[in-house]
Each structure stands twice: as structure tokens, then as C-alpha cells.
Amino acid sequence: MIDRELWYRFKARLLEEEVEEVSRAIEELIREEVLDDYVTSAIQSLLGASLESLPEVRPVRPLVETDAGRVVREMRDGRA
């Protein structure tokens, strides 16, 4: 069962977006929700291993101090 108010809001949103097929919209939402499972399964089959057995990837800090704002300003100034 779906909450009536939620269902009406959902259908109103579909009308705003000019979506005529409610079932297709629901299917798309379900696919998006389970997409992570499909991607994980595909990666595991390509690698032939479970994701838990792979080494952990940890973020690293850059060795050199960076300032993206300064770089973008320099690029914009270079165009003028």
C-alpha cells in the first residue's frame, strides 16, 4: 500500500513533467534503486573476485599545495 497523499504528489509531478505512463516511471525508479547491485555484480564478474577481497583505496593529499580558484583566474586572464 502506498500513502494516498504521496501517490497524489507523485502523479502530480509526473503530470508536470508530461510523463504519461506511470508504470514506466515506477520501473525507472526501481531500476535506479537496484542499479548499484547490477554494477557491483558486473565488477565482481569482470574481476573474478568479491569486492571485499580487493585492496582498500584510500584518498591521498596532493604533494603540492593547490588553489583551483587561482588557477581558473589565471586561465581566464590568459584568454583576454
PDB file of N, CA and C in Angstrom:
ATOM      1  N   MET A   1       0.837  -1.178   0.000  1.00  0.00           N
ATOM      2  CA  MET A   1       0.000   0.000   0.000  1.00  0.00           C
ATOM      3  C   MET A   1       0.889   1.250   0.000  1.00  0.00           C
ATOM      4  N   ILE A   2       0.481   2.222  -0.754  1.00  0.00           N
ATOM      5  CA  ILE A   2       1.213   3.484  -0.835  1.00  0.00           C
ATOM      6  C   ILE A   2       0.352   4.566  -0.199  1.00  0.00           C
ATOM      7  N   ASP A   3       0.989   5.410   0.575  1.00  0.00           N
ATOM      8  CA  ASP A   3       0.292   6.528   1.196  1.00  0.00           C
ATOM      9  C   ASP A   3      -0.416   7.348   0.120  1.00  0.00           C
ATOM     10  N   ARG A   4      -1.679   7.636   0.327  1.00  0.00           N
ATOM     11  CA  ARG A   4      -2.504   8.309  -0.674  1.00  0.00           C
ATOM     12  C   ARG A   4      -1.944   9.681  -1.046  1.00  0.00           C
ATOM     13  N   GLU A   5      -1.560  10.466  -0.057  1.00  0.00           N
ATOM     14  CA  GLU A   5      -1.021  11.807  -0.324  1.00  0.00           C
ATOM     15  C   GLU A   5       0.268  11.717  -1.141  1.00  0.00           C
ATOM     16  N   LEU A   6       1.133  10.767  -0.788  1.00  0.00           N
ATOM     17  CA  LEU A   6       2.380  10.568  -1.523  1.00  0.00           C
ATOM     18  C   LEU A   6       2.086  10.182  -2.970  1.00  0.00           C
ATOM     19  N   TRP A   7       1.115   9.297  -3.166  1.00  0.00           N
ATOM     20  CA  TRP A   7       0.758   8.858  -4.513  1.00  0.00           C
ATOM     21  C   TRP A   7       0.237  10.024  -5.354  1.00  0.00           C
ATOM     22  N   TYR A   8      -0.621  10.871  -4.770  1.00  0.00           N
ATOM     23  CA  TYR A   8      -1.146  12.020  -5.500  1.00  0.00           C
ATOM     24  C   TYR A   8      -0.035  13.003  -5.861  1.00  0.00           C
ATOM     25  N   ARG A   9       0.895  13.201  -4.938  1.00  0.00           N
ATOM     26  CA  ARG A   9       2.024  14.105  -5.222  1.00  0.00           C
ATOM     27  C   ARG A   9       2.898  13.545  -6.340  1.00  0.00           C
ATOM     28  N   PHE A  10       3.115  12.225  -6.304  1.00  0.00           N
ATOM     29  CA  PHE A  10       3.915  11.568  -7.339  1.00  0.00           C
ATOM     30  C   PHE A  10       3.248  11.733  -8.706  1.00  0.00           C
ATOM     31  N   LYS A  11       1.943  11.468  -8.794  1.00  0.00           N
ATOM     32  CA  LYS A  11       1.237  11.587 -10.064  1.00  0.00           C
ATOM     33  C   LYS A  11       1.197  13.036 -10.540  1.00  0.00           C
ATOM     34  N   ALA A  12       1.077  13.984  -9.600  1.00  0.00           N
ATOM     35  CA  ALA A  12       1.105  15.396  -9.975  1.00  0.00           C
ATOM     36  C   ALA A  12       2.452  15.766 -10.578  1.00  0.00           C
ATOM     37  N   ARG A  13       3.526  15.250  -9.986  1.00  0.00           N
ATOM     38  CA  ARG A  13       4.867  15.508 -10.526  1.00  0.00           C
ATOM     39  C   ARG A  13       4.992  14.935 -11.932  1.00  0.00           C
ATOM     40  N   LEU A  14       4.458  13.733 -12.142  1.00  0.00           N
ATOM     41  CA  LEU A  14       4.512  13.135 -13.475  1.00  0.00           C
ATOM     42  C   LEU A  14       3.752  13.989 -14.488  1.00  0.00           C
ATOM     43  N   LEU A  15       2.600  14.522 -14.072  1.00  0.00           N
ATOM     44  CA  LEU A  15       1.839  15.391 -14.971  1.00  0.00           C
ATOM     45  C   LEU A  15       2.624  16.650 -15.305  1.00  0.00           C
ATOM     46  N   GLU A  16       3.302  17.228 -14.323  1.00  0.00           N
ATOM     47  CA  GLU A  16       4.119  18.418 -14.557  1.00  0.00           C
ATOM     48  C   GLU A  16       5.212  18.132 -15.570  1.00  0.00           C
ATOM     49  N   GLU A  17       5.782  16.927 -15.483  1.00  0.00           N
ATOM     50  CA  GLU A  17       6.868  16.545 -16.384  1.00  0.00           C
ATOM     51  C   GLU A  17       6.351  15.916 -17.674  1.00  0.00           C
ATOM     52  N   GLU A  18       5.025  15.919 -17.837  1.00  0.00           N
ATOM     53  CA  GLU A  18       4.369  15.379 -19.025  1.00  0.00           C
ATOM     54  C   GLU A  18       4.698  13.914 -19.267  1.00  0.00           C
ATOM     55  N   VAL A  19       4.793  13.152 -18.177  1.00  0.00           N
ATOM     56  CA  VAL A  19       5.009  11.712 -18.264  1.00  0.00           C
ATOM     57  C   VAL A  19       3.636  11.056 -18.258  1.00  0.00           C
ATOM     58  N   GLU A  20       3.351  10.284 -19.302  1.00  0.00           N
ATOM     59  CA  GLU A  20       2.020   9.700 -19.426  1.00  0.00           C
ATOM     60  C   GLU A  20       1.930   8.303 -18.835  1.00  0.00           C
ATOM     61  N   GLU A  21       3.017   7.569 -18.799  1.00  0.00           N
ATOM     62  CA  GLU A  21       2.979   6.188 -18.328  1.00  0.00           C
ATOM     63  C   GLU A  21       3.518   6.102 -16.908  1.00  0.00           C
ATOM     64  N   VAL A  22       2.622   5.944 -15.960  1.00  0.00           N
ATOM     65  CA  VAL A  22       3.009   5.851 -14.550  1.00  0.00           C
ATOM     66  C   VAL A  22       3.853   4.606 -14.318  1.00  0.00           C
ATOM     67  N   SER A  23       3.459   3.494 -14.923  1.00  0.00           N
ATOM     68  CA  SER A  23       4.196   2.246 -14.695  1.00  0.00           C
ATOM     69  C   SER A  23       5.637   2.355 -15.181  1.00  0.00           C
ATOM     70  N   ARG A  24       5.840   3.039 -16.303  1.00  0.00           N
ATOM     71  CA  ARG A  24       7.212   3.211 -16.815  1.00  0.00           C
ATOM     72  C   ARG A  24       8.035   4.059 -15.857  1.00  0.00           C
ATOM     73  N   ALA A  25       7.436   5.092 -15.276  1.00  0.00           N
ATOM     74  CA  ALA A  25       8.145   5.940 -14.311  1.00  0.00           C
ATOM     75  C   ALA A  25       8.521   5.137 -13.073  1.00  0.00           C
ATOM     76  N   ILE A  26       7.625   4.284 -12.616  1.00  0.00           N
ATOM     77  CA  ILE A  26       7.914   3.449 -11.443  1.00  0.00           C
ATOM     78  C   ILE A  26       9.017   2.458 -11.764  1.00  0.00           C
ATOM     79  N   GLU A  27       8.968   1.851 -12.951  1.00  0.00           N
ATOM     80  CA  GLU A  27      10.028   0.923 -13.358  1.00  0.00           C
ATOM     81  C   GLU A  27      11.383   1.615 -13.367  1.00  0.00           C
ATOM     82  N   GLU A  28      11.423   2.836 -13.876  1.00  0.00           N
ATOM     83  CA  GLU A  28      12.683   3.584 -13.933  1.00  0.00           C
ATOM     84  C   GLU A  28      13.220   3.858 -12.527  1.00  0.00           C
ATOM     85  N   LEU A  29      12.331   4.228 -11.610  1.00  0.00           N
ATOM     86  CA  LEU A  29      12.752   4.455 -10.227  1.00  0.00           C
ATOM     87  C   LEU A  29      13.311   3.181  -9.595  1.00  0.00           C
ATOM     88  N   ILE A  30      12.667   2.059  -9.863  1.00  0.00           N
ATOM     89  CA  ILE A  30      13.148   0.784  -9.316  1.00  0.00           C
ATOM     90  C   ILE A  30      14.504   0.436  -9.911  1.00  0.00           C
ATOM     91  N   ARG A  31      14.655   0.624 -11.223  1.00  0.00           N
ATOM     92  CA  ARG A  31      15.945   0.326 -11.870  1.00  0.00           C
ATOM     93  C   ARG A  31      17.072   1.175 -11.263  1.00  0.00           C
ATOM     94  N   GLU A  32      16.797   2.461 -11.049  1.00  0.00           N
ATOM     95  CA  GLU A  32      17.805   3.328 -10.444  1.00  0.00           C
ATOM     96  C   GLU A  32      18.178   2.847  -9.048  1.00  0.00           C
ATOM     97  N   GLU A  33      17.183   2.363  -8.318  1.00  0.00           N
ATOM     98  CA  GLU A  33      17.430   1.908  -6.951  1.00  0.00           C
ATOM     99  C   GLU A  33      18.301   0.658  -6.912  1.00  0.00           C
ATOM    100  N   VAL A  34      18.109  -0.252  -7.855  1.00  0.00           N
ATOM    101  CA  VAL A  34      18.864  -1.503  -7.833  1.00  0.00           C
ATOM    102  C   VAL A  34      20.082  -1.473  -8.758  1.00  0.00           C
ATOM    103  N   LEU A  35      20.323  -0.350  -9.418  1.00  0.00           N
ATOM    104  CA  LEU A  35      21.456  -0.240 -10.327  1.00  0.00           C
ATOM    105  C   LEU A  35      22.772  -0.552  -9.628  1.00  0.00           C
ATOM    106  N   ASP A  36      22.912  -0.114  -8.393  1.00  0.00           N
ATOM    107  CA  ASP A  36      24.137  -0.366  -7.641  1.00  0.00           C
ATOM    108  C   ASP A  36      24.420  -1.862  -7.544  1.00  0.00           C
ATOM    109  N   ASP A  37      23.376  -2.657  -7.337  1.00  0.00           N
ATOM    110  CA  ASP A  37      23.545  -4.107  -7.272  1.00  0.00           C
ATOM    111  C   ASP A  37      24.060  -4.664  -8.596  1.00  0.00           C
ATOM    112  N   TYR A  38      23.513  -4.172  -9.715  1.00  0.00           N
ATOM    113  CA  TYR A  38      23.951  -4.638 -11.026  1.00  0.00           C
ATOM    114  C   TYR A  38      25.398  -4.263 -11.291  1.00  0.00           C
ATOM    115  N   VAL A  39      25.774  -3.043 -10.958  1.00  0.00           N
ATOM    116  CA  VAL A  39      27.144  -2.579 -11.181  1.00  0.00           C
ATOM    117  C   VAL A  39      28.114  -3.401 -10.343  1.00  0.00           C
ATOM    118  N   THR A  40      27.776  -3.602  -9.074  1.00  0.00           N
ATOM    119  CA  THR A  40      28.639  -4.400  -8.197  1.00  0.00           C
ATOM    120  C   THR A  40      28.805  -5.805  -8.743  1.00  0.00           C
ATOM    121  N   SER A  41      27.721  -6.416  -9.172  1.00  0.00           N
ATOM    122  CA  SER A  41      27.772  -7.771  -9.721  1.00  0.00           C
ATOM    123  C   SER A  41      28.626  -7.822 -10.985  1.00  0.00           C
ATOM    124  N   ALA A  42      28.484  -6.813 -11.852  1.00  0.00           N
ATOM    125  CA  ALA A  42      29.263  -6.784 -13.090  1.00  0.00           C
ATOM    126  C   ALA A  42      30.753  -6.635 -12.798  1.00  0.00           C
ATOM    127  N   ILE A  43      31.100  -5.782 -11.849  1.00  0.00           N
ATOM    128  CA  ILE A  43      32.508  -5.596 -11.488  1.00  0.00           C
ATOM    129  C   ILE A  43      33.076  -6.886 -10.922  1.00  0.00           C
ATOM    130  N   GLN A  44      32.313  -7.540 -10.073  1.00  0.00           N
ATOM    131  CA  GLN A  44      32.779  -8.795  -9.481  1.00  0.00           C
ATOM    132  C   GLN A  44      32.997  -9.856 -10.551  1.00  0.00           C
ATOM    133  N   SER A  45      32.100  -9.938 -11.532  1.00  0.00           N
ATOM    134  CA  SER A  45      32.274 -10.948 -12.575  1.00  0.00           C
ATOM    135  C   SER A  45      33.465 -10.618 -13.469  1.00  0.00           C
ATOM    136  N   LEU A  46      33.714  -9.319 -13.715  1.00  0.00           N
ATOM    137  CA  LEU A  46      34.868  -8.933 -14.523  1.00  0.00           C
ATOM    138  C   LEU A  46      36.183  -9.227 -13.803  1.00  0.00           C
ATOM    139  N   LEU A  47      36.206  -8.979 -12.507  1.00  0.00           N
ATOM    140  CA  LEU A  47      37.427  -9.176 -11.738  1.00  0.00           C
ATOM    141  C   LEU A  47      37.603 -10.611 -11.276  1.00  0.00           C
ATOM    142  N   GLY A  48      36.516 -11.349 -11.255  1.00  0.00           N
ATOM    143  CA  GLY A  48      36.577 -12.718 -10.773  1.00  0.00           C
ATOM    144  C   GLY A  48      36.840 -12.796  -9.280  1.00  0.00           C
ATOM    145  N   ALA A  49      36.472 -11.768  -8.559  1.00  0.00           N
ATOM    146  CA  ALA A  49      36.697 -11.746  -7.108  1.00  0.00           C
ATOM    147  C   ALA A  49      35.604 -10.916  -6.455  1.00  0.00           C
ATOM    148  N   SER A  50      35.449 -11.118  -5.165  1.00  0.00           N
ATOM    149  CA  SER A  50      34.482 -10.290  -4.447  1.00  0.00           C
ATOM    150  C   SER A  50      35.125  -8.941  -4.145  1.00  0.00           C
ATOM    151  N   LEU A  51      34.300  -7.929  -3.999  1.00  0.00           N
ATOM    152  CA  LEU A  51      34.816  -6.595  -3.729  1.00  0.00           C
ATOM    153  C   LEU A  51      35.508  -6.525  -2.374  1.00  0.00           C
ATOM    154  N   GLU A  52      35.090  -7.378  -1.443  1.00  0.00           N
ATOM    155  CA  GLU A  52      35.698  -7.362  -0.122  1.00  0.00           C
ATOM    156  C   GLU A  52      37.152  -7.836  -0.167  1.00  0.00           C
ATOM    157  N   SER A  53      37.501  -8.668  -1.159  1.00  0.00           N
ATOM    158  CA  SER A  53      38.867  -9.187  -1.236  1.00  0.00           C
ATOM    159  C   SER A  53      39.827  -8.218  -1.927  1.00  0.00           C
ATOM    160  N   LEU A  54      39.312  -7.154  -2.502  1.00  0.00           N
ATOM    161  CA  LEU A  54      40.166  -6.176  -3.170  1.00  0.00           C
ATOM    162  C   LEU A  54      40.797  -5.238  -2.154  1.00  0.00           C
ATOM    163  N   PRO A  55      41.971  -4.712  -2.454  1.00  0.00           N
ATOM    164  CA  PRO A  55      42.599  -3.776  -1.511  1.00  0.00           C
ATOM    165  C   PRO A  55      41.780  -2.492  -1.379  1.00  0.00           C
ATOM    166  N   GLU A  56      41.839  -1.896  -0.208  1.00  0.00           N
ATOM    167  CA  GLU A  56      41.105  -0.667   0.046  1.00  0.00           C
ATOM    168  C   GLU A  56      41.794   0.502  -0.648  1.00  0.00           C
ATOM    169  N   VAL A  57      41.001   1.352  -1.271  1.00  0.00           N
ATOM    170  CA  VAL A  57      41.530   2.547  -1.921  1.00  0.00           C
ATOM    171  C   VAL A  57      41.307   3.708  -0.970  1.00  0.00           C
ATOM    172  N   ARG A  58      42.390   4.366  -0.599  1.00  0.00           N
ATOM    173  CA  ARG A  58      42.306   5.480   0.342  1.00  0.00           C
ATOM    174  C   ARG A  58      42.671   6.775  -0.363  1.00  0.00           C
ATOM    175  N   PRO A  59      41.961   7.845  -0.043  1.00  0.00           N
ATOM    176  CA  PRO A  59      42.310   9.129  -0.654  1.00  0.00           C
ATOM    177  C   PRO A  59      43.655   9.627  -0.137  1.00  0.00           C
ATOM    178  N   VAL A  60      44.361  10.348  -0.975  1.00  0.00           N
ATOM    179  CA  VAL A  60      45.648  10.916  -0.572  1.00  0.00           C
ATOM    180  C   VAL A  60      45.612  12.425  -0.754  1.00  0.00           C
ATOM    181  N   ARG A  61      46.416  13.113   0.020  1.00  0.00           N
ATOM    182  CA  ARG A  61      46.528  14.563  -0.130  1.00  0.00           C
ATOM    183  C   ARG A  61      47.564  14.861  -1.212  1.00  0.00           C
ATOM    184  N   PRO A  62      47.332  15.919  -1.983  1.00  0.00           N
ATOM    185  CA  PRO A  62      48.321  16.284  -3.005  1.00  0.00           C
ATOM    186  C   PRO A  62      49.649  16.660  -2.350  1.00  0.00           C
ATOM    187  N   LEU A  63      50.734  16.383  -3.041  1.00  0.00           N
ATOM    188  CA  LEU A  63      52.057  16.715  -2.522  1.00  0.00           C
ATOM    189  C   LEU A  63      52.317  18.216  -2.591  1.00  0.00           C
ATOM    190  N   VAL A  64      51.657  18.886  -3.538  1.00  0.00           N
ATOM    191  CA  VAL A  64      51.850  20.314  -3.740  1.00  0.00           C
ATOM    192  C   VAL A  64      50.554  21.029  -3.371  1.00  0.00           C
ATOM    193  N   GLU A  65      50.680  22.136  -2.652  1.00  0.00           N
ATOM    194  CA  GLU A  65      49.516  22.944  -2.291  1.00  0.00           C
ATOM    195  C   GLU A  65      48.852  23.445  -3.576  1.00  0.00           C
ATOM    196  N   THR A  66      47.540  23.287  -3.694  1.00  0.00           N
ATOM    197  CA  THR A  66      46.830  23.726  -4.895  1.00  0.00           C
ATOM    198  C   THR A  66      45.744  24.728  -4.535  1.00  0.00           C
ATOM    199  N   ASP A  67      45.418  25.572  -5.503  1.00  0.00           N
ATOM    200  CA  ASP A  67      44.357  26.554  -5.327  1.00  0.00           C
ATOM    201  C   ASP A  67      43.619  26.639  -6.658  1.00  0.00           C
ATOM    202  N   ALA A  68      42.520  25.904  -6.762  1.00  0.00           N
ATOM    203  CA  ALA A  68      41.778  25.825  -8.024  1.00  0.00           C
ATOM    204  C   ALA A  68      41.274  27.195  -8.455  1.00  0.00           C
ATOM    205  N   GLY A  69      40.829  28.011  -7.516  1.00  0.00           N
ATOM    206  CA  GLY A  69      40.325  29.342  -7.852  1.00  0.00           C
ATOM    207  C   GLY A  69      41.384  30.189  -8.524  1.00  0.00           C
ATOM    208  N   ARG A  70      42.601  30.138  -8.003  1.00  0.00           N
ATOM    209  CA  ARG A  70      43.703  30.909  -8.582  1.00  0.00           C
ATOM    210  C   ARG A  70      44.014  30.409  -9.994  1.00  0.00           C
ATOM    211  N   VAL A  71      44.015  29.109 -10.186  1.00  0.00           N
ATOM    212  CA  VAL A  71      44.322  28.538 -11.494  1.00  0.00           C
ATOM    213  C   VAL A  71      43.270  28.960 -12.515  1.00  0.00           C
ATOM    214  N   VAL A  72      42.001  28.913 -12.126  1.00  0.00           N
ATOM    215  CA  VAL A  72      40.933  29.312 -13.045  1.00  0.00           C
ATOM    216  C   VAL A  72      41.061  30.793 -13.386  1.00  0.00           C
ATOM    217  N   ARG A  73      41.354  31.629 -12.404  1.00  0.00           N
ATOM    218  CA  ARG A  73      41.529  33.063 -12.689  1.00  0.00           C
ATOM    219  C   ARG A  73      42.689  33.284 -13.678  1.00  0.00           C
ATOM    220  N   GLU A  74      43.773  32.568 -13.488  1.00  0.00           N
ATOM    221  CA  GLU A  74      44.929  32.705 -14.377  1.00  0.00           C
ATOM    222  C   GLU A  74      44.552  32.294 -15.812  1.00  0.00           C
ATOM    223  N   MET A  75      43.769  31.221 -15.926  1.00  0.00           N
ATOM    224  CA  MET A  75      43.344  30.762 -17.247  1.00  0.00           C
ATOM    225  C   MET A  75      42.439  31.793 -17.901  1.00  0.00           C
ATOM    226  N   ARG A  76      41.521  32.373 -17.126  1.00  0.00           N
ATOM    227  CA  ARG A  76      40.614  33.378 -17.686  1.00  0.00           C
ATOM    228  C   ARG A  76      41.382  34.631 -18.091  1.00  0.00           C
ATOM    229  N   ASP A  77      42.332  35.053 -17.275  1.00  0.00           N
ATOM    230  CA  ASP A  77      43.136  36.229 -17.582  1.00  0.00           C
ATOM    231  C   ASP A  77      43.981  35.981 -18.836  1.00  0.00           C
ATOM    232  N   GLY A  78      44.408  34.724 -19.029  1.00  0.00           N
ATOM    233  CA  GLY A  78      45.220  34.388 -20.191  1.00  0.00           C
ATOM    234  C   GLY A  78      44.472  34.480 -21.498  1.00  0.00           C
ATOM    235  N   ARG A  79      43.149  34.349 -21.441  1.00  0.00           N
ATOM    236  CA  ARG A  79      42.333  34.445 -22.657  1.00  0.00           C
ATOM    237  C   ARG A  79      42.142  35.882 -23.112  1.00  0.00           C
ATOM    238  N   ALA A  80      42.232  36.806 -22.190  1.00  0.00           N
ATOM    239  CA  ALA A  80      41.951  38.217 -22.539  1.00  0.00           C
ATOM    240  C   ALA A  80      43.050  38.867 -23.326  1.00  0.00           C
TER     241      ALA A  80
END
